[in-house]
Amino acid sequence: MDLFTAALDHLPTTAPGRADRALSVQIVAEGPDGEHTCSGLVLGTSDAVGRWHGDVPAADVRLEVPYDALRDAASGSTLGTGLVMSGRVRMEGDWPALAAFRGAARGAGLRAYLDRLAAAAPPGPDGGPAAGGGRAAGGGRAANGGRAANGAVPAGAGPAGAGGLVAVLAAPNDEHGELSVMARDRSRTALDLVRSTPGARLVLTGGFGAQFNTTDVPHWRHCARWLRSQGMGPGEFADCLETRHSSDDVLFLRELARRHGTGRVTVVTSDYHADRIRYLLDLVLPTAAVRAVVHPSLPPAQQAHLRGHDEAALAKSVAAALLFGPDRLLAPLRVTVEDGAERYAPAGA
């Protein structure tokens, strides 16, 4: 029995077909000798409602996964989301409609399917299927160093305080490190939220990436410099996450929340990005809240472009979860202290 067939067998058998408020998804997986296995599931807006086995060309969406992509995901060398975003999975049919079915990730049926995919993955850096940790390479503390097998944070981990964590997600800066309108608006909102929430801990995110920061200084430093120019005091931010993309953001935040023993996390991002980050959080940190920031000074055409980009990325994120399960840390996080704050980065970074 192949992985997808086994992961789906708890769902009732359902004949795929176009129906109101339902989407049929055909999964075609290539084997090591070029053979193909075909399974499918029917998504409702709040859960998975059925499955089938065999090739059904009339399915609304068709996802074809080559063997080398399955191998790379299984080995833990690449995030599932990265495989889809890079075009290594062939997506046919009405795949953009997957974005409208993001709420299914909260349903018990789809969660059981995703949990089975996660259980089939190799152990993470801490020995568990989905979370990074253990001892960071090259010395230093791992983000969840010494965490018990049940995920509990060890005694002595620094508390976030009653206000929890307020994380501002990275947005572009220019080649000189000047923040974009989106980055400034997000940062200002996060700082205001921390100041109005006793005990809250400000978390800055963003390392390097072609889509947001091509300087030789991590984005979080540019963000901290701008916030200081706006009156942020030396003790007002306490953690920085050197992340590369949205999947990193939610995975690093989960480890930070575990380290500080808090379930209270608020993620500040732009309104056009809010649905995608909500979906990714539902997969790995469902208790987190999202604060969506609007950008009235952005031209309408730019807002429409950003929204369209994120809607497509959300659909691809849903596809990635259906194929590979929730993303997981591929390396432990090393913690160092910089500028009086704890910096979290993959071991070796």
C-alpha atoms as a PDB file:
ATOM      1  CA  MET A   1       0.000   0.000   0.000  1.00  0.00           C
ATOM      2  CA  ASP A   2       1.528   3.355  -0.989  1.00  0.00           C
ATOM      3  CA  LEU A   3       1.876   6.292   1.392  1.00  0.00           C
ATOM      4  CA  PHE A   4      -1.122   8.271   0.141  1.00  0.00           C
ATOM      5  CA  THR A   5      -3.460   5.273   0.069  1.00  0.00           C
ATOM      6  CA  ALA A   6      -2.505   4.397   3.650  1.00  0.00           C
ATOM      7  CA  ALA A   7      -2.850   7.995   4.859  1.00  0.00           C
ATOM      8  CA  LEU A   8      -6.318   8.351   3.321  1.00  0.00           C
ATOM      9  CA  ASP A   9      -7.890   5.052   4.340  1.00  0.00           C
ATOM     10  CA  HIS A  10      -9.699   6.535   7.381  1.00  0.00           C
ATOM     11  CA  LEU A  11     -11.884   8.674   5.111  1.00  0.00           C
ATOM     12  CA  PRO A  12     -15.099   7.353   3.508  1.00  0.00           C
ATOM     13  CA  THR A  13     -14.954   6.351  -0.133  1.00  0.00           C
ATOM     14  CA  THR A  14     -16.489   9.102  -2.250  1.00  0.00           C
ATOM     15  CA  ALA A  15     -16.969   9.317  -5.983  1.00  0.00           C
ATOM     16  CA  PRO A  16     -15.092  12.438  -7.145  1.00  0.00           C
ATOM     17  CA  GLY A  17     -16.942  15.033  -9.133  1.00  0.00           C
ATOM     18  CA  ARG A  18     -17.810  18.680  -9.270  1.00  0.00           C
ATOM     19  CA  ALA A  19     -19.991  19.701  -6.350  1.00  0.00           C
ATOM     20  CA  ASP A  20     -20.837  22.938  -4.632  1.00  0.00           C
ATOM     21  CA  ARG A  21     -18.357  23.817  -1.882  1.00  0.00           C
ATOM     22  CA  ALA A  22     -16.202  20.763  -2.609  1.00  0.00           C
ATOM     23  CA  LEU A  23     -12.990  20.201  -4.570  1.00  0.00           C
ATOM     24  CA  SER A  24     -11.668  16.853  -5.793  1.00  0.00           C
ATOM     25  CA  VAL A  25      -7.880  16.479  -5.809  1.00  0.00           C
ATOM     26  CA  GLN A  26      -6.096  13.688  -7.707  1.00  0.00           C
ATOM     27  CA  ILE A  27      -2.617  12.761  -6.431  1.00  0.00           C
ATOM     28  CA  VAL A  28      -0.367  10.939  -8.892  1.00  0.00           C
ATOM     29  CA  ALA A  29       2.887   9.712  -7.330  1.00  0.00           C
ATOM     30  CA  GLU A  30       5.774   8.302  -9.354  1.00  0.00           C
ATOM     31  CA  GLY A  31       7.613   5.279  -8.001  1.00  0.00           C
ATOM     32  CA  PRO A  32      11.342   4.475  -8.219  1.00  0.00           C
ATOM     33  CA  ASP A  33      10.881   2.442 -11.404  1.00  0.00           C
ATOM     34  CA  GLY A  34       8.642   4.970 -13.139  1.00  0.00           C
ATOM     35  CA  GLU A  35       5.376   3.320 -12.086  1.00  0.00           C
ATOM     36  CA  HIS A  36       2.540   5.530 -10.872  1.00  0.00           C
ATOM     37  CA  THR A  37       0.019   5.204  -8.056  1.00  0.00           C
ATOM     38  CA  CYS A  38      -3.123   7.300  -7.987  1.00  0.00           C
ATOM     39  CA  SER A  39      -5.196   8.377  -5.011  1.00  0.00           C
ATOM     40  CA  GLY A  40      -7.503  11.271  -4.376  1.00  0.00           C
ATOM     41  CA  LEU A  41      -9.417  13.162  -1.767  1.00  0.00           C
ATOM     42  CA  VAL A  42     -12.429  15.429  -1.729  1.00  0.00           C
ATOM     43  CA  LEU A  43     -12.034  18.664   0.210  1.00  0.00           C
ATOM     44  CA  GLY A  44     -14.873  20.590   1.767  1.00  0.00           C
ATOM     45  CA  THR A  45     -14.409  24.088   3.069  1.00  0.00           C
ATOM     46  CA  SER A  46     -13.997  22.858   6.647  1.00  0.00           C
ATOM     47  CA  ASP A  47     -12.599  19.315   6.331  1.00  0.00           C
ATOM     48  CA  ALA A  48     -11.747  16.450   4.010  1.00  0.00           C
ATOM     49  CA  VAL A  49     -14.998  14.649   3.224  1.00  0.00           C
ATOM     50  CA  GLY A  50     -13.912  11.603   1.225  1.00  0.00           C
ATOM     51  CA  ARG A  51     -11.274   9.747  -0.780  1.00  0.00           C
ATOM     52  CA  TRP A  52     -10.883   7.399  -3.698  1.00  0.00           C
ATOM     53  CA  HIS A  53      -8.204   5.197  -5.254  1.00  0.00           C
ATOM     54  CA  GLY A  54      -7.328   5.037  -8.917  1.00  0.00           C
ATOM     55  CA  ASP A  55      -6.876   7.545 -11.719  1.00  0.00           C
ATOM     56  CA  VAL A  56      -9.835   9.878 -12.222  1.00  0.00           C
ATOM     57  CA  PRO A  57      -9.031  12.317 -15.042  1.00  0.00           C
ATOM     58  CA  ALA A  58     -12.138  14.378 -14.276  1.00  0.00           C
ATOM     59  CA  ALA A  59     -10.867  15.494 -10.858  1.00  0.00           C
ATOM     60  CA  ASP A  60     -10.904  19.266 -10.331  1.00  0.00           C
ATOM     61  CA  VAL A  61      -7.187  19.386  -9.501  1.00  0.00           C
ATOM     62  CA  ARG A  62      -4.385  17.046 -10.514  1.00  0.00           C
ATOM     63  CA  LEU A  63      -1.057  17.013  -8.636  1.00  0.00           C
ATOM     64  CA  GLU A  64       1.730  14.926 -10.183  1.00  0.00           C
ATOM     65  CA  VAL A  65       4.750  14.275  -7.978  1.00  0.00           C
ATOM     66  CA  PRO A  66       7.964  12.930  -9.540  1.00  0.00           C
ATOM     67  CA  TYR A  67       9.918  10.335  -7.628  1.00  0.00           C
ATOM     68  CA  ASP A  68      12.916  12.595  -7.034  1.00  0.00           C
ATOM     69  CA  ALA A  69      10.668  15.165  -5.296  1.00  0.00           C
ATOM     70  CA  LEU A  70       9.182  12.457  -3.058  1.00  0.00           C
ATOM     71  CA  ARG A  71      12.694  11.212  -2.323  1.00  0.00           C
ATOM     72  CA  ASP A  72      13.964  14.680  -1.388  1.00  0.00           C
ATOM     73  CA  ALA A  73      10.964  15.320   0.884  1.00  0.00           C
ATOM     74  CA  ALA A  74      11.327  11.903   2.543  1.00  0.00           C
ATOM     75  CA  SER A  75      15.062  12.428   3.153  1.00  0.00           C
ATOM     76  CA  GLY A  76      14.428  15.734   4.886  1.00  0.00           C
ATOM     77  CA  SER A  77      16.671  17.644   2.481  1.00  0.00           C
ATOM     78  CA  THR A  78      13.944  19.964   1.188  1.00  0.00           C
ATOM     79  CA  LEU A  79      10.731  21.462   2.543  1.00  0.00           C
ATOM     80  CA  GLY A  80       7.582  20.233   0.839  1.00  0.00           C
ATOM     81  CA  THR A  81       6.477  23.818   0.276  1.00  0.00           C
ATOM     82  CA  GLY A  82       9.779  24.535  -1.451  1.00  0.00           C
ATOM     83  CA  LEU A  83       9.250  21.599  -3.819  1.00  0.00           C
ATOM     84  CA  VAL A  84       5.889  22.966  -4.923  1.00  0.00           C
ATOM     85  CA  MET A  85       6.956  26.625  -5.067  1.00  0.00           C
ATOM     86  CA  SER A  86       9.941  25.730  -7.243  1.00  0.00           C
ATOM     87  CA  GLY A  87       7.768  24.000  -9.836  1.00  0.00           C
ATOM     88  CA  ARG A  88       8.924  20.436  -9.186  1.00  0.00           C
ATOM     89  CA  VAL A  89       5.304  19.316  -8.728  1.00  0.00           C
ATOM     90  CA  ARG A  90       3.063  19.456 -11.792  1.00  0.00           C
ATOM     91  CA  MET A  91      -0.236  21.157 -11.009  1.00  0.00           C
ATOM     92  CA  GLU A  92      -3.128  20.936 -13.451  1.00  0.00           C
ATOM     93  CA  GLY A  93      -6.785  21.862 -13.434  1.00  0.00           C
ATOM     94  CA  ASP A  94      -8.332  24.417 -11.129  1.00  0.00           C
ATOM     95  CA  TRP A  95      -5.426  24.400  -8.678  1.00  0.00           C
ATOM     96  CA  PRO A  96      -5.825  28.095  -7.702  1.00  0.00           C
ATOM     97  CA  ALA A  97      -9.145  27.043  -6.111  1.00  0.00           C
ATOM     98  CA  LEU A  98      -7.156  25.214  -3.426  1.00  0.00           C
ATOM     99  CA  ALA A  99      -6.770  28.567  -1.663  1.00  0.00           C
ATOM    100  CA  ALA A 100     -10.503  28.685  -0.985  1.00  0.00           C
ATOM    101  CA  PHE A 101     -10.316  25.323   0.817  1.00  0.00           C
ATOM    102  CA  ARG A 102      -7.566  26.299   3.258  1.00  0.00           C
ATOM    103  CA  GLY A 103     -10.038  25.991   6.171  1.00  0.00           C
ATOM    104  CA  ALA A 104     -10.113  22.206   5.708  1.00  0.00           C
ATOM    105  CA  ALA A 105      -6.799  22.062   7.584  1.00  0.00           C
ATOM    106  CA  ARG A 106      -8.743  22.654  10.819  1.00  0.00           C
ATOM    107  CA  GLY A 107     -10.993  19.619  10.258  1.00  0.00           C
ATOM    108  CA  ALA A 108     -10.434  16.333  12.085  1.00  0.00           C
ATOM    109  CA  GLY A 109     -10.443  14.251   8.900  1.00  0.00           C
ATOM    110  CA  LEU A 110      -7.791  16.244   7.089  1.00  0.00           C
ATOM    111  CA  ARG A 111      -5.745  16.676  10.263  1.00  0.00           C
ATOM    112  CA  ALA A 112      -5.630  12.894  10.643  1.00  0.00           C
ATOM    113  CA  TYR A 113      -4.395  12.597   7.042  1.00  0.00           C
ATOM    114  CA  LEU A 114      -1.717  15.269   7.566  1.00  0.00           C
ATOM    115  CA  ASP A 115      -0.629  13.644  10.839  1.00  0.00           C
ATOM    116  CA  ARG A 116      -0.169  10.327   9.024  1.00  0.00           C
ATOM    117  CA  LEU A 117       1.996  11.992   6.375  1.00  0.00           C
ATOM    118  CA  ALA A 118       4.053  13.631   9.135  1.00  0.00           C
ATOM    119  CA  ALA A 119       4.465  10.333  10.978  1.00  0.00           C
ATOM    120  CA  ALA A 120       5.883   8.751   7.817  1.00  0.00           C
ATOM    121  CA  ALA A 121       8.587  11.433   7.580  1.00  0.00           C
ATOM    122  CA  PRO A 122      12.072  10.769   8.991  1.00  0.00           C
ATOM    123  CA  PRO A 123      12.816  12.080  12.501  1.00  0.00           C
ATOM    124  CA  GLY A 124      13.552  15.764  12.835  1.00  0.00           C
ATOM    125  CA  PRO A 125      16.704  17.127  14.475  1.00  0.00           C
ATOM    126  CA  ASP A 126      15.296  16.415  17.948  1.00  0.00           C
ATOM    127  CA  GLY A 127      14.217  12.872  17.125  1.00  0.00           C
ATOM    128  CA  GLY A 128      10.580  13.851  16.605  1.00  0.00           C
ATOM    129  CA  PRO A 129       8.748  13.890  13.282  1.00  0.00           C
ATOM    130  CA  ALA A 130       8.127  17.608  12.993  1.00  0.00           C
ATOM    131  CA  ALA A 131      10.142  19.790  15.322  1.00  0.00           C
ATOM    132  CA  GLY A 132      13.770  20.892  15.273  1.00  0.00           C
ATOM    133  CA  GLY A 133      15.952  20.874  18.354  1.00  0.00           C
ATOM    134  CA  GLY A 134      18.621  18.888  20.069  1.00  0.00           C
ATOM    135  CA  ARG A 135      22.167  20.198  20.261  1.00  0.00           C
ATOM    136  CA  ALA A 136      23.124  22.812  17.704  1.00  0.00           C
ATOM    137  CA  ALA A 137      26.140  22.047  15.569  1.00  0.00           C
ATOM    138  CA  GLY A 138      29.215  24.070  16.357  1.00  0.00           C
ATOM    139  CA  GLY A 139      28.302  24.800  19.968  1.00  0.00           C
ATOM    140  CA  GLY A 140      25.705  27.164  21.369  1.00  0.00           C
ATOM    141  CA  ARG A 141      22.254  26.267  22.601  1.00  0.00           C
ATOM    142  CA  ALA A 142      19.642  24.701  20.400  1.00  0.00           C
ATOM    143  CA  ALA A 143      16.322  26.508  20.403  1.00  0.00           C
ATOM    144  CA  ASN A 144      14.672  23.729  22.350  1.00  0.00           C
ATOM    145  CA  GLY A 145      17.818  22.285  23.876  1.00  0.00           C
ATOM    146  CA  GLY A 146      17.030  19.417  26.179  1.00  0.00           C
ATOM    147  CA  ARG A 147      13.306  19.484  25.506  1.00  0.00           C
ATOM    148  CA  ALA A 148      11.510  16.394  26.685  1.00  0.00           C
ATOM    149  CA  ALA A 149      10.171  13.927  24.131  1.00  0.00           C
ATOM    150  CA  ASN A 150       6.621  15.160  24.727  1.00  0.00           C
ATOM    151  CA  GLY A 151       7.586  18.657  23.574  1.00  0.00           C
ATOM    152  CA  ALA A 152       7.533  20.230  27.041  1.00  0.00           C
ATOM    153  CA  VAL A 153       9.869  23.164  27.588  1.00  0.00           C
ATOM    154  CA  PRO A 154      12.488  22.421  30.245  1.00  0.00           C
ATOM    155  CA  ALA A 155      12.477  24.295  33.532  1.00  0.00           C
ATOM    156  CA  GLY A 156      14.556  27.441  33.359  1.00  0.00           C
ATOM    157  CA  ALA A 157      13.645  28.455  29.808  1.00  0.00           C
ATOM    158  CA  GLY A 158      13.117  32.214  29.750  1.00  0.00           C
ATOM    159  CA  PRO A 159       9.428  33.111  29.966  1.00  0.00           C
ATOM    160  CA  ALA A 160       7.829  35.411  27.421  1.00  0.00           C
ATOM    161  CA  GLY A 161       5.658  37.012  30.087  1.00  0.00           C
ATOM    162  CA  ALA A 162       1.905  37.165  30.340  1.00  0.00           C
ATOM    163  CA  GLY A 163       1.697  39.205  27.148  1.00  0.00           C
ATOM    164  CA  GLY A 164       3.262  36.454  25.059  1.00  0.00           C
ATOM    165  CA  LEU A 165       5.139  36.983  21.806  1.00  0.00           C
ATOM    166  CA  VAL A 166       4.412  39.626  19.165  1.00  0.00           C
ATOM    167  CA  ALA A 167       6.242  38.787  15.936  1.00  0.00           C
ATOM    168  CA  VAL A 168       6.518  41.159  12.983  1.00  0.00           C
ATOM    169  CA  LEU A 169       7.081  39.317   9.700  1.00  0.00           C
ATOM    170  CA  ALA A 170       9.669  40.621   7.267  1.00  0.00           C
ATOM    171  CA  ALA A 171       8.720  42.693   4.233  1.00  0.00           C
ATOM    172  CA  PRO A 172      11.101  44.074   1.600  1.00  0.00           C
ATOM    173  CA  ASN A 173      13.905  46.534   2.190  1.00  0.00           C
ATOM    174  CA  ASP A 174      15.921  48.158  -0.595  1.00  0.00           C
ATOM    175  CA  GLU A 175      19.606  47.727  -1.475  1.00  0.00           C
ATOM    176  CA  HIS A 176      20.524  50.317   1.168  1.00  0.00           C
ATOM    177  CA  GLY A 177      18.517  48.636   3.925  1.00  0.00           C
ATOM    178  CA  GLU A 178      15.709  51.184   3.880  1.00  0.00           C
ATOM    179  CA  LEU A 179      12.389  49.608   4.816  1.00  0.00           C
ATOM    180  CA  SER A 180       9.494  49.466   2.368  1.00  0.00           C
ATOM    181  CA  VAL A 181       6.105  50.915   3.262  1.00  0.00           C
ATOM    182  CA  MET A 182       4.908  47.406   4.115  1.00  0.00           C
ATOM    183  CA  ALA A 183       7.850  46.779   6.463  1.00  0.00           C
ATOM    184  CA  ARG A 184       7.427  50.127   8.207  1.00  0.00           C
ATOM    185  CA  ASP A 185       3.676  49.679   8.669  1.00  0.00           C
ATOM    186  CA  ARG A 186       4.089  46.164  10.046  1.00  0.00           C
ATOM    187  CA  SER A 187       6.893  47.206  12.408  1.00  0.00           C
ATOM    188  CA  ARG A 188       5.016  50.227  13.744  1.00  0.00           C
ATOM    189  CA  THR A 189       1.904  48.104  14.375  1.00  0.00           C
ATOM    190  CA  ALA A 190       3.914  45.434  16.206  1.00  0.00           C
ATOM    191  CA  LEU A 191       5.681  47.958  18.430  1.00  0.00           C
ATOM    192  CA  ASP A 192       2.384  49.645  19.292  1.00  0.00           C
ATOM    193  CA  LEU A 193       0.901  46.259  20.145  1.00  0.00           C
ATOM    194  CA  VAL A 194       3.809  45.376  22.442  1.00  0.00           C
ATOM    195  CA  ARG A 195       3.557  48.730  24.206  1.00  0.00           C
ATOM    196  CA  SER A 196      -0.162  48.226  24.800  1.00  0.00           C
ATOM    197  CA  THR A 197       0.216  44.626  26.028  1.00  0.00           C
ATOM    198  CA  PRO A 198       1.939  44.310  29.435  1.00  0.00           C
ATOM    199  CA  GLY A 199       4.584  41.611  29.451  1.00  0.00           C
ATOM    200  CA  ALA A 200       4.654  41.137  25.676  1.00  0.00           C
ATOM    201  CA  ARG A 201       7.952  40.303  23.967  1.00  0.00           C
ATOM    202  CA  LEU A 202       8.724  41.785  20.519  1.00  0.00           C
ATOM    203  CA  VAL A 203      10.127  39.373  17.931  1.00  0.00           C
ATOM    204  CA  LEU A 204      11.739  40.604  14.705  1.00  0.00           C
ATOM    205  CA  THR A 205      12.051  38.237  11.736  1.00  0.00           C
ATOM    206  CA  GLY A 206      13.852  38.091   8.424  1.00  0.00           C
ATOM    207  CA  GLY A 207      17.323  37.145   7.292  1.00  0.00           C
ATOM    208  CA  PHE A 208      18.169  37.158   3.619  1.00  0.00           C
ATOM    209  CA  GLY A 209      16.216  36.388   0.465  1.00  0.00           C
ATOM    210  CA  ALA A 210      15.950  37.534  -3.129  1.00  0.00           C
ATOM    211  CA  GLN A 211      12.333  38.483  -2.575  1.00  0.00           C
ATOM    212  CA  PHE A 212      12.907  40.834   0.378  1.00  0.00           C
ATOM    213  CA  ASN A 213      16.566  41.500   1.300  1.00  0.00           C
ATOM    214  CA  THR A 214      19.656  41.292  -0.904  1.00  0.00           C
ATOM    215  CA  THR A 215      21.966  43.318   1.356  1.00  0.00           C
ATOM    216  CA  ASP A 216      24.711  41.705   3.438  1.00  0.00           C
ATOM    217  CA  VAL A 217      22.883  42.598   6.669  1.00  0.00           C
ATOM    218  CA  PRO A 218      19.897  40.536   7.879  1.00  0.00           C
ATOM    219  CA  HIS A 219      16.507  42.194   7.506  1.00  0.00           C
ATOM    220  CA  TRP A 220      15.809  42.115  11.229  1.00  0.00           C
ATOM    221  CA  ARG A 221      18.759  44.460  11.788  1.00  0.00           C
ATOM    222  CA  HIS A 222      17.362  46.963   9.262  1.00  0.00           C
ATOM    223  CA  CYS A 223      14.026  46.677  11.051  1.00  0.00           C
ATOM    224  CA  ALA A 224      15.605  47.222  14.479  1.00  0.00           C
ATOM    225  CA  ARG A 225      17.489  50.277  13.218  1.00  0.00           C
ATOM    226  CA  TRP A 226      14.270  51.822  11.871  1.00  0.00           C
ATOM    227  CA  LEU A 227      12.347  51.053  15.059  1.00  0.00           C
ATOM    228  CA  ARG A 228      15.067  52.721  17.139  1.00  0.00           C
ATOM    229  CA  SER A 229      14.700  55.818  14.955  1.00  0.00           C
ATOM    230  CA  GLN A 230      11.022  55.750  15.917  1.00  0.00           C
ATOM    231  CA  GLY A 231      11.788  55.669  19.641  1.00  0.00           C
ATOM    232  CA  MET A 232      12.104  51.952  20.415  1.00  0.00           C
ATOM    233  CA  GLY A 233      14.114  51.529  23.584  1.00  0.00           C
ATOM    234  CA  PRO A 234      17.056  49.109  23.980  1.00  0.00           C
ATOM    235  CA  GLY A 235      14.990  46.590  25.918  1.00  0.00           C
ATOM    236  CA  GLU A 236      11.840  46.622  23.805  1.00  0.00           C
ATOM    237  CA  PHE A 237      12.741  43.760  21.494  1.00  0.00           C
ATOM    238  CA  ALA A 238      14.090  40.495  22.774  1.00  0.00           C
ATOM    239  CA  ASP A 239      14.258  37.943  19.955  1.00  0.00           C
ATOM    240  CA  CYS A 240      15.188  37.907  16.277  1.00  0.00           C
ATOM    241  CA  LEU A 241      14.537  35.044  13.881  1.00  0.00           C
ATOM    242  CA  GLU A 242      16.816  34.840  10.852  1.00  0.00           C
ATOM    243  CA  THR A 243      14.167  33.413   8.532  1.00  0.00           C
ATOM    244  CA  ARG A 244      14.102  33.130   4.724  1.00  0.00           C
ATOM    245  CA  HIS A 245      10.392  32.752   3.951  1.00  0.00           C
ATOM    246  CA  SER A 246       6.942  32.268   5.462  1.00  0.00           C
ATOM    247  CA  SER A 247       7.470  28.585   6.274  1.00  0.00           C
ATOM    248  CA  ASP A 248      10.577  29.466   8.265  1.00  0.00           C
ATOM    249  CA  ASP A 249       8.609  32.170  10.072  1.00  0.00           C
ATOM    250  CA  VAL A 250       5.992  29.806  11.488  1.00  0.00           C
ATOM    251  CA  LEU A 251       8.436  26.981  12.256  1.00  0.00           C
ATOM    252  CA  PHE A 252      10.918  29.245  14.058  1.00  0.00           C
ATOM    253  CA  LEU A 253       8.039  30.851  15.969  1.00  0.00           C
ATOM    254  CA  ARG A 254       6.796  27.462  17.097  1.00  0.00           C
ATOM    255  CA  GLU A 255      10.228  26.688  18.531  1.00  0.00           C
ATOM    256  CA  LEU A 256      10.423  30.100  20.184  1.00  0.00           C
ATOM    257  CA  ALA A 257       6.981  29.624  21.759  1.00  0.00           C
ATOM    258  CA  ARG A 258       8.060  26.224  23.075  1.00  0.00           C
ATOM    259  CA  ARG A 259      11.260  27.679  24.485  1.00  0.00           C
ATOM    260  CA  HIS A 260       9.380  30.376  26.360  1.00  0.00           C
ATOM    261  CA  GLY A 261       6.548  28.094  27.386  1.00  0.00           C
ATOM    262  CA  THR A 262       3.825  30.282  25.927  1.00  0.00           C
ATOM    263  CA  GLY A 263       0.825  29.589  23.744  1.00  0.00           C
ATOM    264  CA  ARG A 264       0.142  33.291  23.292  1.00  0.00           C
ATOM    265  CA  VAL A 265       1.629  34.383  19.969  1.00  0.00           C
ATOM    266  CA  THR A 266       0.485  37.243  17.739  1.00  0.00           C
ATOM    267  CA  VAL A 267       1.869  37.460  14.206  1.00  0.00           C
ATOM    268  CA  VAL A 268       1.820  40.868  12.523  1.00  0.00           C
ATOM    269  CA  THR A 269       1.777  40.868   8.738  1.00  0.00           C
ATOM    270  CA  SER A 270       0.117  42.613   5.782  1.00  0.00           C
ATOM    271  CA  ASP A 271      -3.542  42.104   4.945  1.00  0.00           C
ATOM    272  CA  TYR A 272      -2.658  40.537   1.574  1.00  0.00           C
ATOM    273  CA  HIS A 273      -0.422  37.979   3.335  1.00  0.00           C
ATOM    274  CA  ALA A 274      -2.713  37.247   6.284  1.00  0.00           C
ATOM    275  CA  ASP A 275      -4.650  34.310   4.780  1.00  0.00           C
ATOM    276  CA  ARG A 276      -1.471  32.461   3.815  1.00  0.00           C
ATOM    277  CA  ILE A 277       0.208  32.939   7.187  1.00  0.00           C
ATOM    278  CA  ARG A 278      -3.029  31.910   8.943  1.00  0.00           C
ATOM    279  CA  TYR A 279      -3.022  28.671   6.934  1.00  0.00           C
ATOM    280  CA  LEU A 280       0.631  27.912   7.721  1.00  0.00           C
ATOM    281  CA  LEU A 281       0.024  28.622  11.405  1.00  0.00           C
ATOM    282  CA  ASP A 282      -3.015  26.319  11.392  1.00  0.00           C
ATOM    283  CA  LEU A 283      -0.654  23.523  10.369  1.00  0.00           C
ATOM    284  CA  VAL A 284       2.036  23.993  13.033  1.00  0.00           C
ATOM    285  CA  LEU A 285       0.986  26.676  15.564  1.00  0.00           C
ATOM    286  CA  PRO A 286      -2.826  26.888  15.480  1.00  0.00           C
ATOM    287  CA  THR A 287      -3.167  28.839  18.729  1.00  0.00           C
ATOM    288  CA  ALA A 288      -1.386  31.873  17.265  1.00  0.00           C
ATOM    289  CA  ALA A 289      -3.340  34.990  16.297  1.00  0.00           C
ATOM    290  CA  VAL A 290      -2.790  37.063  13.160  1.00  0.00           C
ATOM    291  CA  ARG A 291      -2.902  40.865  13.091  1.00  0.00           C
ATOM    292  CA  ALA A 292      -3.463  42.051   9.505  1.00  0.00           C
ATOM    293  CA  VAL A 293      -2.039  45.467   8.613  1.00  0.00           C
ATOM    294  CA  VAL A 294      -3.489  47.541   5.766  1.00  0.00           C
ATOM    295  CA  HIS A 295      -1.322  49.826   3.640  1.00  0.00           C
ATOM    296  CA  PRO A 296      -3.472  52.725   2.434  1.00  0.00           C
ATOM    297  CA  SER A 297      -0.498  54.512   0.861  1.00  0.00           C
ATOM    298  CA  LEU A 298       0.193  51.640  -1.560  1.00  0.00           C
ATOM    299  CA  PRO A 299      -1.120  52.242  -5.107  1.00  0.00           C
ATOM    300  CA  PRO A 300      -4.134  50.034  -5.949  1.00  0.00           C
ATOM    301  CA  ALA A 301      -2.248  48.302  -8.760  1.00  0.00           C
ATOM    302  CA  GLN A 302       0.557  47.285  -6.402  1.00  0.00           C
ATOM    303  CA  GLN A 303      -1.924  46.055  -3.814  1.00  0.00           C
ATOM    304  CA  ALA A 304      -3.686  43.961  -6.464  1.00  0.00           C
ATOM    305  CA  HIS A 305      -0.351  42.480  -7.597  1.00  0.00           C
ATOM    306  CA  LEU A 306       0.689  41.580  -4.051  1.00  0.00           C
ATOM    307  CA  ARG A 307      -2.697  40.045  -3.300  1.00  0.00           C
ATOM    308  CA  GLY A 308      -2.638  37.954  -6.478  1.00  0.00           C
ATOM    309  CA  HIS A 309       0.870  36.719  -5.717  1.00  0.00           C
ATOM    310  CA  ASP A 310      -0.116  35.633  -2.228  1.00  0.00           C
ATOM    311  CA  GLU A 311      -3.321  33.936  -3.350  1.00  0.00           C
ATOM    312  CA  ALA A 312      -1.309  31.789  -5.772  1.00  0.00           C
ATOM    313  CA  ALA A 313       1.276  31.070  -3.071  1.00  0.00           C
ATOM    314  CA  LEU A 314      -1.508  30.071  -0.660  1.00  0.00           C
ATOM    315  CA  ALA A 315      -2.906  27.566  -3.174  1.00  0.00           C
ATOM    316  CA  LYS A 316       0.585  26.094  -3.598  1.00  0.00           C
ATOM    317  CA  SER A 317       0.990  25.909   0.181  1.00  0.00           C
ATOM    318  CA  VAL A 318      -2.250  23.924   0.431  1.00  0.00           C
ATOM    319  CA  ALA A 319      -1.015  21.592  -2.326  1.00  0.00           C
ATOM    320  CA  ALA A 320       2.295  21.104  -0.527  1.00  0.00           C
ATOM    321  CA  ALA A 321       0.571  20.087   2.707  1.00  0.00           C
ATOM    322  CA  LEU A 322      -1.653  17.612   0.861  1.00  0.00           C
ATOM    323  CA  LEU A 323       1.412  15.997  -0.718  1.00  0.00           C
ATOM    324  CA  PHE A 324       4.071  16.187   1.978  1.00  0.00           C
ATOM    325  CA  GLY A 325       2.300  17.057   5.227  1.00  0.00           C
ATOM    326  CA  PRO A 326       3.132  20.124   7.338  1.00  0.00           C
ATOM    327  CA  ASP A 327       6.592  21.589   6.855  1.00  0.00           C
ATOM    328  CA  ARG A 328       9.137  20.801   9.549  1.00  0.00           C
ATOM    329  CA  LEU A 329      12.504  22.131  10.590  1.00  0.00           C
ATOM    330  CA  LEU A 330      15.295  20.527   8.597  1.00  0.00           C
ATOM    331  CA  ALA A 331      18.072  21.567  10.994  1.00  0.00           C
ATOM    332  CA  PRO A 332      18.234  22.577  14.654  1.00  0.00           C
ATOM    333  CA  LEU A 333      18.200  26.263  15.515  1.00  0.00           C
ATOM    334  CA  ARG A 334      21.256  27.785  17.128  1.00  0.00           C
ATOM    335  CA  VAL A 335      20.746  30.609  19.605  1.00  0.00           C
ATOM    336  CA  THR A 336      23.259  33.417  20.058  1.00  0.00           C
ATOM    337  CA  VAL A 337      22.970  36.831  21.696  1.00  0.00           C
ATOM    338  CA  GLU A 338      23.329  39.893  19.464  1.00  0.00           C
ATOM    339  CA  ASP A 339      22.485  43.504  20.274  1.00  0.00           C
ATOM    340  CA  GLY A 340      21.110  42.291  23.586  1.00  0.00           C
ATOM    341  CA  ALA A 341      18.576  40.028  21.851  1.00  0.00           C
ATOM    342  CA  GLU A 342      18.472  36.281  21.262  1.00  0.00           C
ATOM    343  CA  ARG A 343      19.129  35.477  17.596  1.00  0.00           C
ATOM    344  CA  TYR A 344      17.706  32.234  16.218  1.00  0.00           C
ATOM    345  CA  ALA A 345      19.223  30.841  13.035  1.00  0.00           C
ATOM    346  CA  PRO A 346      19.770  27.399  11.506  1.00  0.00           C
ATOM    347  CA  ALA A 347      22.873  25.685  12.855  1.00  0.00           C
ATOM    348  CA  GLY A 348      25.864  26.782  10.810  1.00  0.00           C
ATOM    349  CA  ALA A 349      24.336  30.116   9.753  1.00  0.00           C
END
